[in-house]
Each structure stands twice: as structure tokens, then as C-alpha cells.
């Protein structure tokens, strides 16, 4: 059954920034995505940098919405590749077998 809907934008909704997808899982009826953001601690040379990763948001999608997200992301990645902003990582060929001595 198709339902005709009208989109209503909500300008005041909070935007979530994430620099990491921490977890993706499918429960059988929904796709769950946990987004995270990394916050660096105050630098203390010569010690190596440290930081913490915090959960920024959780997104739960129906299978239909997950497929829509996949389609949209595929189109965005194709556009970024076309513009040369990203490139697919080709799988490196296996190294040749070592010669027997």
C-alpha cells in the first residue's frame, strides 16, 4: 500500500556530527547504526596523543529506509569519485610466489 505524504522540515532539529561509525548491526527487523565523535585530550609532549570517543547519536532504520540510505550513499560516493574527491581502493594483487632455492 502506498501512502502519499508531505515532507515537513523542522529547522530547529539538532544536527549530529560524527567522525566515526562505531557499530552497525541488523536485528532482523531494523538496522542500528551508532555514530561517534573523537575528542582529543590536552597534548602532553613527549607522550603520544590521547583522546576519547563518545557516542554522538544512534540511528535506527527500517529495512526499507536502510535500502534508501544505501542507494543515496551509493549515488553520493559515485559523484565524489567522478569529481576526483575520493577513489575506490583497488584490491592489490597477491605477491608472486617466492622462488624455491
Foldseek 3Di string as FASTA:
>chain_A
DDDDDDDDDDVPDDDFDAPDFPDWDDPPFKIKTWGWHWDWDDDDPPDDTDTDIGTGDMDIGGPVVVVVVVVVVVVVVVVCVVVVNDDDDDDDDDDDDDDDD
